[in-house]
Amino acid sequence: MLELYQFELSHFSEKVRLVLDYKGLAYRKIEVVPGMGQLDLFRISGQRQVPVLKDGNTIVADSTAIALYLDKTYPDRPIIPTNPQQKATCLLLEQWADNSIGAKGRPILLESLKSSNLRTSILPVGTPDLLRNLIGSIPREAIDVLGLGLGLTPDSIKAAKAEMHRSLESICLLLAQNSGAYLTGDTPTLADLTVAGLSLLLKIPDGPYLNIPNNLKGKGIPGFADNPDYDLFFTWRDKLYADFRKPHTPDRNNSGAAPTTPTTIAID
């Protein structure tokens, strides 16, 4: 069975989960707990970032590389159009979404993490209590210092928010032109699944899709999740989820559901 090394509230992991569910592929989620889990992930993939896909002896890192691998290896329900113009549009939109919605979502989320409750809520299930309490006790000032250390100044966060607004406005214009269907044609493509999955941090889907506290479902970042100008986008995204995203269930089975607790990474 396919194994996805992931973080439940990683928007790039969600991009891959949408691809897997759309293609109807069974997979096992393996939650990578900060610290030792990332060290094990480095041993298996040569880097510490999620998502990473394990398919037998094949290891694939990076959400785009995983999506392209899955489409080539499991060609049923393709996510890359065959029409040259649609294919080019799909790949351009996917790359654009990674670099705009995906990349700009991180600094916007970091600002939101000044809330200790949110910080502890988004940690993986099974995170040791000591680590959870330590993260929850970090003062707001330390988060500011951390952000500055990562180059996230108030000006850069302001710029990230402005770019995110432009991105959502652009997607809404595309959807309005396509009567709210899909971005590049009559069926979902990698572009649709990428844009939908990467919006996870802006507004968490209000449904049984993720193994997270119920109080987080349907919640999002103020100014984006509650902005009526983006109702078309989130309505479109939620319909895509309802049509193709499979629900989380406690036990691992062929529907692509996940265990309720993190699993130790097995190194072959």
Protein backbone atom coordinates (compact mmCIF):
# COMPACT_ATOMS: atom_id res chain seq x y z
CA MET A 1 0.00 0.00 0.00
CA LEU A 2 1.11 3.56 -0.65
CA GLU A 3 2.40 5.37 2.43
CA LEU A 4 2.22 9.14 2.82
CA TYR A 5 4.56 10.71 5.35
CA GLN A 6 2.76 13.88 6.26
CA PHE A 7 1.60 16.49 8.72
CA GLU A 8 -2.19 16.64 9.03
CA LEU A 9 -2.43 20.43 8.73
CA SER A 10 0.26 20.75 6.06
CA HIS A 11 -1.37 22.34 3.02
CA PHE A 12 1.15 20.66 0.72
CA SER A 13 0.28 17.31 2.29
CA GLU A 14 -3.38 18.11 1.69
CA LYS A 15 -2.62 18.76 -1.98
CA VAL A 16 -1.28 15.20 -2.25
CA ARG A 17 -4.17 13.71 -0.24
CA LEU A 18 -6.62 15.31 -2.68
CA VAL A 19 -4.74 13.78 -5.62
CA LEU A 20 -4.74 10.35 -3.96
CA ASP A 21 -8.45 10.54 -3.13
CA TYR A 22 -9.42 11.85 -6.57
CA LYS A 23 -7.56 8.96 -8.22
CA GLY A 24 -9.14 6.49 -5.79
CA LEU A 25 -5.81 5.20 -4.47
CA ALA A 26 -5.57 3.48 -1.10
CA TYR A 27 -2.86 4.88 1.11
CA ARG A 28 -1.71 4.90 4.71
CA LYS A 29 -0.99 8.22 6.42
CA ILE A 30 2.08 8.35 8.63
CA GLU A 31 2.16 11.45 10.79
CA VAL A 32 5.63 12.93 11.14
CA VAL A 33 5.98 14.26 14.68
CA PRO A 34 8.38 17.22 15.03
CA GLY A 35 11.84 16.18 16.16
CA MET A 36 12.61 12.49 15.92
CA GLY A 37 10.04 11.94 13.21
CA GLN A 38 11.80 14.46 11.00
CA LEU A 39 15.15 12.75 11.62
CA ASP A 40 13.66 9.45 10.46
CA LEU A 41 12.16 11.21 7.46
CA PHE A 42 15.62 12.50 6.56
CA ARG A 43 16.96 8.94 6.65
CA ILE A 44 14.32 7.74 4.23
CA SER A 45 14.15 10.72 1.86
CA GLY A 46 17.30 12.79 2.33
CA GLN A 47 15.32 15.83 3.53
CA ARG A 48 13.04 16.79 6.44
CA GLN A 49 9.99 18.27 4.71
CA VAL A 50 6.61 16.65 4.23
CA PRO A 51 4.99 15.29 2.17
CA VAL A 52 6.96 12.21 1.15
CA LEU A 53 5.42 9.25 -0.67
CA LYS A 54 6.68 5.68 -0.29
CA ASP A 55 5.54 3.25 -2.98
CA GLY A 56 7.32 -0.03 -2.38
CA ASN A 57 11.00 0.77 -2.84
CA THR A 58 10.27 4.11 -4.51
CA ILE A 59 10.56 7.27 -2.40
CA VAL A 60 9.25 10.57 -3.79
CA ALA A 61 9.52 13.92 -1.99
CA ASP A 62 7.81 17.23 -2.92
CA SER A 63 4.08 17.55 -3.58
CA THR A 64 4.44 18.31 -7.30
CA ALA A 65 6.85 15.43 -7.89
CA ILE A 66 4.49 13.12 -5.99
CA ALA A 67 1.48 14.22 -8.05
CA LEU A 68 3.32 13.71 -11.35
CA TYR A 69 4.62 10.32 -10.19
CA LEU A 70 1.13 9.18 -9.21
CA ASP A 71 -0.35 10.29 -12.53
CA LYS A 72 2.32 8.43 -14.49
CA THR A 73 2.32 5.29 -12.34
CA TYR A 74 -1.44 5.11 -11.77
CA PRO A 75 -2.96 6.54 -14.97
CA ASP A 76 -6.64 5.97 -14.11
CA ARG A 77 -8.49 9.26 -13.60
CA PRO A 78 -5.66 11.39 -15.01
CA ILE A 79 -4.99 14.81 -13.51
CA ILE A 80 -2.85 16.17 -16.35
CA PRO A 81 -4.86 17.06 -19.50
CA THR A 82 -3.81 15.63 -22.86
CA ASN A 83 -4.91 18.72 -24.79
CA PRO A 84 -1.67 20.78 -25.16
CA GLN A 85 -3.26 24.13 -24.30
CA GLN A 86 -5.12 22.73 -21.28
CA LYS A 87 -1.99 20.87 -20.16
CA ALA A 88 0.09 24.05 -20.32
CA THR A 89 -2.57 26.01 -18.42
CA CYS A 90 -2.85 23.27 -15.80
CA LEU A 91 0.90 23.10 -15.17
CA LEU A 92 1.26 26.89 -15.10
CA LEU A 93 -1.61 27.25 -12.61
CA GLU A 94 -0.18 24.48 -10.42
CA GLN A 95 3.24 26.12 -10.30
CA TRP A 96 1.71 29.54 -9.69
CA ALA A 97 -0.45 28.20 -6.83
CA ASP A 98 2.56 26.57 -5.16
CA ASN A 99 4.49 29.84 -5.28
CA SER A 100 1.60 32.11 -4.31
CA ILE A 101 -1.13 30.43 -2.26
CA GLY A 102 1.25 27.78 -0.93
CA ALA A 103 4.27 29.94 -0.14
CA LYS A 104 2.35 32.98 1.14
CA GLY A 105 0.14 30.87 3.39
CA ARG A 106 3.06 30.11 5.68
CA PRO A 107 3.89 33.65 6.87
CA ILE A 108 0.18 34.41 7.21
CA LEU A 109 -0.25 31.31 9.39
CA LEU A 110 2.82 32.18 11.46
CA GLU A 111 1.22 35.46 12.47
CA SER A 112 -1.90 33.55 13.53
CA LEU A 113 0.23 31.23 15.67
CA LYS A 114 0.65 33.98 18.24
CA SER A 115 -2.43 32.33 19.75
CA SER A 116 -1.15 29.55 22.05
CA ASN A 117 -4.42 27.62 21.66
CA LEU A 118 -4.01 27.48 17.89
CA ARG A 119 -0.35 26.52 18.22
CA THR A 120 -1.14 23.44 20.31
CA SER A 121 -4.28 22.54 18.34
CA ILE A 122 -2.46 22.16 15.04
CA LEU A 123 0.25 19.87 16.41
CA PRO A 124 0.08 16.25 15.21
CA VAL A 125 -1.97 13.80 17.21
CA GLY A 126 0.48 11.96 19.47
CA THR A 127 2.86 14.88 19.97
CA PRO A 128 4.39 14.29 23.44
CA ASP A 129 2.70 16.35 26.16
CA LEU A 130 6.03 17.85 27.17
CA LEU A 131 6.59 19.21 23.66
CA ARG A 132 2.96 20.31 23.34
CA ASN A 133 3.11 22.23 26.63
CA LEU A 134 6.46 23.75 25.72
CA ILE A 135 5.15 25.03 22.39
CA GLY A 136 1.98 26.33 24.01
CA SER A 137 3.98 28.28 26.59
CA ILE A 138 6.08 30.19 24.04
CA PRO A 139 5.30 33.90 24.55
CA ARG A 140 4.01 36.03 21.69
CA GLU A 141 7.23 38.03 21.74
CA ALA A 142 9.22 34.87 21.02
CA ILE A 143 7.00 34.13 18.02
CA ASP A 144 7.79 37.62 16.74
CA VAL A 145 11.52 36.97 17.18
CA LEU A 146 11.17 33.61 15.43
CA GLY A 147 9.39 35.29 12.56
CA LEU A 148 12.12 37.90 12.25
CA GLY A 149 14.72 35.12 12.24
CA LEU A 150 12.90 33.58 9.29
CA GLY A 151 12.80 36.91 7.50
CA LEU A 152 9.13 37.45 8.29
CA THR A 153 8.99 41.13 9.11
CA PRO A 154 5.69 42.99 9.54
CA ASP A 155 6.18 44.37 6.03
CA SER A 156 6.74 40.92 4.53
CA ILE A 157 3.63 39.54 6.24
CA LYS A 158 1.64 42.53 4.97
CA ALA A 159 2.95 41.85 1.45
CA ALA A 160 2.07 38.15 1.76
CA LYS A 161 -1.50 39.03 2.72
CA ALA A 162 -1.80 41.46 -0.20
CA GLU A 163 -0.56 38.79 -2.63
CA MET A 164 -2.95 36.22 -1.15
CA HIS A 165 -5.86 38.60 -1.70
CA ARG A 166 -4.80 39.07 -5.33
CA SER A 167 -4.50 35.31 -5.76
CA LEU A 168 -7.99 34.62 -4.45
CA GLU A 169 -9.44 37.43 -6.52
CA SER A 170 -7.81 35.93 -9.63
CA ILE A 171 -9.16 32.46 -8.90
CA CYS A 172 -12.65 33.88 -8.34
CA LEU A 173 -12.46 35.58 -11.76
CA LEU A 174 -11.46 32.29 -13.40
CA LEU A 175 -14.27 30.43 -11.66
CA ALA A 176 -16.82 33.06 -12.64
CA GLN A 177 -15.71 32.78 -16.26
CA ASN A 178 -16.03 28.98 -16.09
CA SER A 179 -19.42 29.14 -14.37
CA GLY A 180 -17.89 27.78 -11.17
CA ALA A 181 -16.86 24.45 -12.72
CA TYR A 182 -13.15 23.66 -13.00
CA LEU A 183 -10.15 25.83 -13.78
CA THR A 184 -8.98 24.29 -17.07
CA GLY A 185 -11.81 22.17 -18.45
CA ASP A 186 -14.77 19.92 -17.71
CA THR A 187 -13.00 17.69 -15.17
CA PRO A 188 -10.68 18.36 -12.23
CA THR A 189 -6.98 18.55 -12.97
CA LEU A 190 -3.85 18.98 -10.90
CA ALA A 191 -4.50 22.73 -11.02
CA ASP A 192 -7.87 22.36 -9.25
CA LEU A 193 -6.57 19.91 -6.66
CA THR A 194 -3.55 22.10 -5.94
CA VAL A 195 -5.49 25.34 -5.51
CA ALA A 196 -8.09 23.61 -3.33
CA GLY A 197 -5.57 21.77 -1.16
CA LEU A 198 -3.29 24.74 -0.62
CA SER A 199 -6.19 26.82 0.69
CA LEU A 200 -6.33 24.56 3.75
CA LEU A 201 -4.58 27.11 5.96
CA LEU A 202 -6.89 29.93 4.91
CA LYS A 203 -10.04 28.06 5.87
CA ILE A 204 -10.18 24.49 7.13
CA PRO A 205 -12.94 22.49 5.42
CA ASP A 206 -15.96 21.93 7.64
CA GLY A 207 -16.26 18.22 7.12
CA PRO A 208 -14.96 14.80 8.23
CA TYR A 209 -11.79 14.99 6.16
CA LEU A 210 -9.06 15.68 8.70
CA ASN A 211 -7.93 14.18 11.98
CA ILE A 212 -8.03 17.46 13.92
CA PRO A 213 -9.99 18.87 16.86
CA ASN A 214 -13.59 19.61 15.89
CA ASN A 215 -13.26 23.22 17.05
CA LEU A 216 -10.81 23.88 14.19
CA LYS A 217 -13.13 22.65 11.43
CA GLY A 218 -14.63 25.43 9.38
CA LYS A 219 -12.32 27.97 11.01
CA GLY A 220 -9.80 30.10 9.17
CA ILE A 221 -7.71 33.21 9.04
CA PRO A 222 -9.72 36.43 9.51
CA GLY A 223 -9.87 38.56 6.40
CA PHE A 224 -9.81 35.50 4.15
CA ALA A 225 -12.10 32.81 5.55
CA ASP A 226 -14.82 35.33 6.43
CA ASN A 227 -14.45 37.59 3.38
CA PRO A 228 -17.68 37.54 1.29
CA ASP A 229 -15.65 38.39 -1.82
CA TYR A 230 -14.28 34.85 -1.69
CA ASP A 231 -17.57 33.02 -1.17
CA LEU A 232 -17.43 31.73 -4.76
CA PHE A 233 -13.99 30.25 -4.18
CA PHE A 234 -14.78 28.49 -0.91
CA THR A 235 -18.13 27.22 -2.24
CA TRP A 236 -16.28 25.77 -5.24
CA ARG A 237 -13.61 24.25 -3.03
CA ASP A 238 -16.12 22.71 -0.62
CA LYS A 239 -18.01 21.12 -3.52
CA LEU A 240 -14.77 19.63 -4.83
CA TYR A 241 -14.15 18.20 -1.36
CA ALA A 242 -17.67 16.81 -1.15
CA ASP A 243 -17.29 15.16 -4.56
CA PHE A 244 -13.80 13.72 -4.26
CA ARG A 245 -12.20 13.99 -0.80
CA LYS A 246 -12.65 10.86 1.31
CA PRO A 247 -13.55 11.15 4.99
CA HIS A 248 -11.13 10.38 7.77
CA THR A 249 -11.94 7.18 9.68
CA PRO A 250 -10.18 5.77 12.74
CA ASP A 251 -8.98 2.55 11.14
CA ARG A 252 -6.75 2.13 8.16
CA ASN A 253 -8.56 0.56 5.22
CA ASN A 254 -8.71 0.65 1.42
CA SER A 255 -10.63 3.92 1.38
CA GLY A 256 -7.51 5.94 2.05
CA ALA A 257 -8.34 6.69 5.67
CA ALA A 258 -5.76 7.20 8.37
CA PRO A 259 -4.88 5.87 11.78
CA THR A 260 -5.75 8.07 14.72
CA THR A 261 -2.21 8.14 16.10
CA PRO A 262 1.18 8.70 14.51
CA THR A 263 2.97 5.62 13.23
CA THR A 264 6.69 5.06 13.61
CA ILE A 265 8.44 5.41 10.29
CA ALA A 266 9.71 2.07 9.02
CA ILE A 267 13.03 2.18 7.21
CA ASP A 268 13.42 -0.59 4.64
